[in-house]
Amino acid sequence: MRAPAANRYEKMPYARCGRSGLRLPRISLGLWQNFGGTSPLERARDMILKSFDRGITHFDLANNYGPPPGSAEETFGRILAKDLTAYRDELVISTKAGYLMWPGPYGEWGSRKYLLASLDQSLKRMGLDYVDIFYSHRYDPDTPLEETMGALDTAVRSGRALYVGISSYGPAKTREAAAILRDLKVPFVIHQPSYSILNRWVEDGLLDVLEKEGLGCIAFSPLAQGLLTTKYLSGIPDSSRAAQDDSLRKSMLTAANLGNVRALDEIARQRGQSLAQMAIAWVLAKPAITSALIGASSWAQVDECLGALRNLEFSPLELDSIGRLARDGGLNIWAASSQSG
C-alpha cells in the first residue's frame, strides 16, 4: 500500500459545506470521464493518489460514470482497496443516481425502487459500507418529490449514506426538497449544479436559495468541459470531447464563445494564470461556492487546476472585464433538469 504525502493538508484550503459540519477541499476531483473501463487503470490511480497527496479528499462519482456505466466506481473501488483503505475516514466519497443505468422502467429517474437499488449496486462496486454523500442526480417530474427525498432519508437512516444532496435541480424544486428533508431531519448539505464563466444559470435564483437554506454548493464543469482552456482555440483536437460530439458538442464552439475564450485567456495571462486556473478561481470567488469539481485525463491537468489556489483574488477591474465576457454560451446540457422549477 502506497503511503500518502505527510504534508497533504498543508496547502489545500477547505470550506464548510453550508451550515453543516462537513468541510470540502476547495477543489474536488470528479470521476465522470477518464476513470472508466476504457481508460488505463494506472493513469486513474496516478491521478487519484497524487490528488490525495495534495489534499484533495473529495472524490465524486455516479452510478453511470464510465464508460461503460458503473466502471468508474469499479475502478475507484480497486484503487481504494489497494491504496486507500487505511485512509477511508479521511475521504469524502459521493455517488449519485438519476440517469439511465439499466434497461426497463426501474433503471433511471427518481423512484424509491431505483434510487435505493442503485445505491446498493454502487456500494458493492466500490467495496464500501457507506458513502459520505448520496445525491439525487436529477429532478424527476413524474415521481412525487416526497418519494425521491424519502429514498434519500432511507439511505441515511439505513447507514448507507452520511449526508444527502441533489444535482441540477432548479431554485423552486431545491427549496421544496429542502423543506421536505428538513421535516424528515435528514442531513441535506449540498447541491451540485453546472457553473462556469460561460454557464451562469445558477445566478438566476439558485445561489440565493442555497444561501437561505444554508446549503453548500459544489460546481461541476467549471471549465465548461474544456472550453475554458486553450484547447479549442486552434481547432478541434481529434481526442477531445468536442471531436466526439458528446457532452461538449461541436455546435457549442461558436464564434462568439471562442471569441470570449480568447479574450478571457488574455485576462488570465495578465493575472499570471492559465485560462483554466482563472476560470476555477472565478467560480471559487463566489461566496456560495464550497468547492469546484474538476475532471481530468492526466495528473498534469489536475496539477494545473490546483494552481488556481495560488491566486483567488480579483480586482474590481478584472471582475468588470470578465463580467463583460461572461455570457451564457448555451452550454447547460442539463437544462431539462435544472430548469424544472
Foldseek 3Di string as FASTA:
>chain_A
DDDAAPCQQVQWDWFDFFPDPDIATQAAAEQQPQQAPVHDLVQVLVQVRVNSSNPHQEYEEEQCRHVRGNRSLLSQLVSCVVPNVVPVVSHAYEYEFADARDDDDQRHHAALSNQVVSLVSSCVSNVHQAGAEYEHEFHHPVDPLLRRLVSVLCCCVVPRYVAYEYELAAQVVVLVSLVSCVVSVGRYAEYEYADWLQAHVCVVRVLVSCNVSRHAYEHEPLCLQVLQACQPLVHHDCPGPCVVCDLDHPVLPDPLSSVLSVQLQVLQVVVVAGSLLVGSLVVSLPVRHRHYYYYDNGNVVVVNNVVSSVDSDDDPVSVVSSNVSSHHSPNRPVCVRNVPD
